[in-house]
Amino acid sequence: MTLAAMQDDFNKHNCKLLGLSIDSIYAHIAWLRTIKEKIEYRGMKDIEVTFPCLKKMR
């Protein structure tokens, strides 16, 4: 969530964000939806994660 909120700052330094997880695709979808719709943290809310999130194969 914090990295998504800072994505423009990363882009200014020519740095692209990438998420990596061993969770299922369904868990990724739920995680992204929860961040966008339900979480408020340190003044951040309605944050949309737009960088790619990859599932690492076990």
N, C-alpha and C. Protein backbone atom coordinates (compact mmCIF):
# COMPACT_ATOMS: atom_id res chain seq x y z
N MET A 1 0.82 -1.18 0.00
CA MET A 1 0.00 0.00 0.00
C MET A 1 0.87 1.26 0.00
N THR A 2 1.87 1.26 0.86
CA THR A 2 2.76 2.42 0.91
C THR A 2 3.53 2.58 -0.39
N LEU A 3 4.03 1.48 -0.93
CA LEU A 3 4.76 1.56 -2.20
C LEU A 3 3.85 2.04 -3.32
N ALA A 4 2.62 1.57 -3.36
CA ALA A 4 1.68 2.02 -4.38
C ALA A 4 1.42 3.52 -4.26
N ALA A 5 1.32 4.01 -3.04
CA ALA A 5 1.10 5.44 -2.82
C ALA A 5 2.32 6.26 -3.25
N MET A 6 3.50 5.64 -3.24
CA MET A 6 4.75 6.33 -3.60
C MET A 6 5.18 6.05 -5.03
N GLN A 7 4.34 5.40 -5.82
CA GLN A 7 4.73 4.97 -7.16
C GLN A 7 5.22 6.12 -8.04
N ASP A 8 4.59 7.29 -7.97
CA ASP A 8 5.05 8.43 -8.77
C ASP A 8 6.47 8.83 -8.41
N ASP A 9 6.80 8.77 -7.11
CA ASP A 9 8.16 9.10 -6.68
C ASP A 9 9.17 8.11 -7.27
N PHE A 10 8.82 6.83 -7.26
CA PHE A 10 9.70 5.82 -7.85
C PHE A 10 9.87 6.07 -9.35
N ASN A 11 8.77 6.38 -10.02
CA ASN A 11 8.84 6.64 -11.47
C ASN A 11 9.77 7.80 -11.79
N LYS A 12 9.77 8.82 -10.95
CA LYS A 12 10.65 9.99 -11.17
C LYS A 12 12.12 9.58 -11.15
N HIS A 13 12.44 8.51 -10.45
CA HIS A 13 13.82 8.02 -10.36
C HIS A 13 14.05 6.85 -11.31
N ASN A 14 13.14 6.72 -12.29
CA ASN A 14 13.25 5.67 -13.30
C ASN A 14 13.29 4.27 -12.67
N CYS A 15 12.51 4.09 -11.63
CA CYS A 15 12.44 2.82 -10.92
C CYS A 15 11.02 2.28 -11.02
N LYS A 16 10.88 1.06 -11.45
CA LYS A 16 9.57 0.44 -11.60
C LYS A 16 9.34 -0.56 -10.47
N LEU A 17 8.12 -0.57 -9.94
CA LEU A 17 7.77 -1.47 -8.85
C LEU A 17 7.25 -2.80 -9.39
N LEU A 18 7.50 -3.85 -8.61
CA LEU A 18 7.04 -5.19 -8.95
C LEU A 18 6.78 -5.93 -7.66
N GLY A 19 5.60 -6.51 -7.53
CA GLY A 19 5.28 -7.32 -6.35
C GLY A 19 5.56 -8.78 -6.64
N LEU A 20 5.99 -9.51 -5.65
CA LEU A 20 6.27 -10.94 -5.79
C LEU A 20 5.72 -11.65 -4.56
N SER A 21 4.99 -12.72 -4.79
CA SER A 21 4.36 -13.44 -3.69
C SER A 21 4.26 -14.92 -4.03
N ILE A 22 4.15 -15.75 -3.02
CA ILE A 22 3.89 -17.17 -3.25
C ILE A 22 2.41 -17.49 -3.08
N ASP A 23 1.61 -16.46 -2.76
CA ASP A 23 0.17 -16.66 -2.60
C ASP A 23 -0.48 -16.96 -3.95
N SER A 24 -1.69 -17.46 -3.89
CA SER A 24 -2.43 -17.80 -5.11
C SER A 24 -2.88 -16.53 -5.84
N ILE A 25 -3.24 -16.68 -7.09
CA ILE A 25 -3.79 -15.57 -7.87
C ILE A 25 -5.03 -15.02 -7.17
N TYR A 26 -5.85 -15.92 -6.62
CA TYR A 26 -7.07 -15.50 -5.93
C TYR A 26 -6.74 -14.67 -4.68
N ALA A 27 -5.69 -15.04 -3.98
CA ALA A 27 -5.26 -14.26 -2.82
C ALA A 27 -4.77 -12.89 -3.26
N HIS A 28 -4.07 -12.81 -4.40
CA HIS A 28 -3.61 -11.51 -4.93
C HIS A 28 -4.80 -10.63 -5.23
N ILE A 29 -5.81 -11.17 -5.89
CA ILE A 29 -6.99 -10.39 -6.24
C ILE A 29 -7.68 -9.87 -4.98
N ALA A 30 -7.83 -10.74 -3.98
CA ALA A 30 -8.46 -10.33 -2.73
C ALA A 30 -7.63 -9.26 -2.03
N TRP A 31 -6.32 -9.42 -2.03
CA TRP A 31 -5.40 -8.46 -1.39
C TRP A 31 -5.53 -7.08 -2.06
N LEU A 32 -5.51 -7.06 -3.39
CA LEU A 32 -5.60 -5.79 -4.12
C LEU A 32 -6.96 -5.13 -3.89
N ARG A 33 -8.01 -5.93 -3.89
CA ARG A 33 -9.36 -5.39 -3.67
C ARG A 33 -9.49 -4.84 -2.24
N THR A 34 -8.95 -5.55 -1.28
CA THR A 34 -9.02 -5.10 0.12
C THR A 34 -8.29 -3.78 0.30
N ILE A 35 -7.11 -3.64 -0.29
CA ILE A 35 -6.35 -2.39 -0.20
C ILE A 35 -7.16 -1.24 -0.78
N LYS A 36 -7.77 -1.46 -1.93
CA LYS A 36 -8.52 -0.41 -2.61
C LYS A 36 -9.79 -0.03 -1.86
N GLU A 37 -10.50 -1.03 -1.33
CA GLU A 37 -11.85 -0.78 -0.83
C GLU A 37 -11.99 -0.67 0.69
N LYS A 38 -11.07 -1.26 1.45
CA LYS A 38 -11.34 -1.40 2.88
C LYS A 38 -10.29 -0.84 3.82
N ILE A 39 -9.06 -0.70 3.39
CA ILE A 39 -8.00 -0.34 4.32
C ILE A 39 -7.74 1.16 4.33
N GLU A 40 -7.62 1.69 5.54
CA GLU A 40 -7.14 3.05 5.74
C GLU A 40 -5.97 2.95 6.71
N TYR A 41 -4.80 3.47 6.30
CA TYR A 41 -3.59 3.34 7.08
C TYR A 41 -2.78 4.61 6.97
N ARG A 42 -2.51 5.23 8.10
CA ARG A 42 -1.69 6.45 8.15
C ARG A 42 -2.13 7.49 7.13
N GLY A 43 -3.44 7.70 7.07
CA GLY A 43 -3.99 8.71 6.17
C GLY A 43 -4.15 8.26 4.73
N MET A 44 -3.72 7.06 4.43
CA MET A 44 -3.88 6.54 3.06
C MET A 44 -5.14 5.71 3.01
N LYS A 45 -5.94 5.92 1.97
CA LYS A 45 -7.08 5.07 1.72
C LYS A 45 -7.43 5.15 0.24
N ASP A 46 -8.20 4.19 -0.22
CA ASP A 46 -8.56 4.10 -1.65
C ASP A 46 -7.31 4.03 -2.53
N ILE A 47 -6.29 3.32 -2.07
CA ILE A 47 -5.05 3.18 -2.83
C ILE A 47 -5.20 2.03 -3.82
N GLU A 48 -4.91 2.30 -5.07
CA GLU A 48 -4.98 1.25 -6.08
C GLU A 48 -3.56 0.83 -6.46
N VAL A 49 -3.28 -0.44 -6.32
CA VAL A 49 -1.98 -0.99 -6.70
C VAL A 49 -2.03 -1.24 -8.20
N THR A 50 -1.21 -0.52 -8.94
CA THR A 50 -1.22 -0.65 -10.41
C THR A 50 0.05 -1.31 -10.95
N PHE A 51 1.02 -1.53 -10.08
CA PHE A 51 2.23 -2.20 -10.56
C PHE A 51 1.97 -3.71 -10.62
N PRO A 52 2.73 -4.44 -11.45
CA PRO A 52 2.51 -5.87 -11.61
C PRO A 52 2.80 -6.66 -10.33
N CYS A 53 2.00 -7.66 -10.09
CA CYS A 53 2.19 -8.58 -8.96
C CYS A 53 2.31 -9.99 -9.52
N LEU A 54 3.43 -10.60 -9.30
CA LEU A 54 3.70 -11.92 -9.85
C LEU A 54 3.58 -13.00 -8.79
N LYS A 55 3.15 -14.15 -9.21
CA LYS A 55 3.10 -15.30 -8.32
C LYS A 55 4.34 -16.14 -8.55
N LYS A 56 5.10 -16.35 -7.49
CA LYS A 56 6.29 -17.19 -7.58
C LYS A 56 5.85 -18.65 -7.48
N MET A 57 6.31 -19.44 -8.38
CA MET A 57 6.00 -20.86 -8.37
C MET A 57 6.82 -21.53 -7.29
N ARG A 58 6.23 -22.44 -6.57
CA ARG A 58 6.93 -23.12 -5.48
C ARG A 58 7.81 -24.21 -6.00
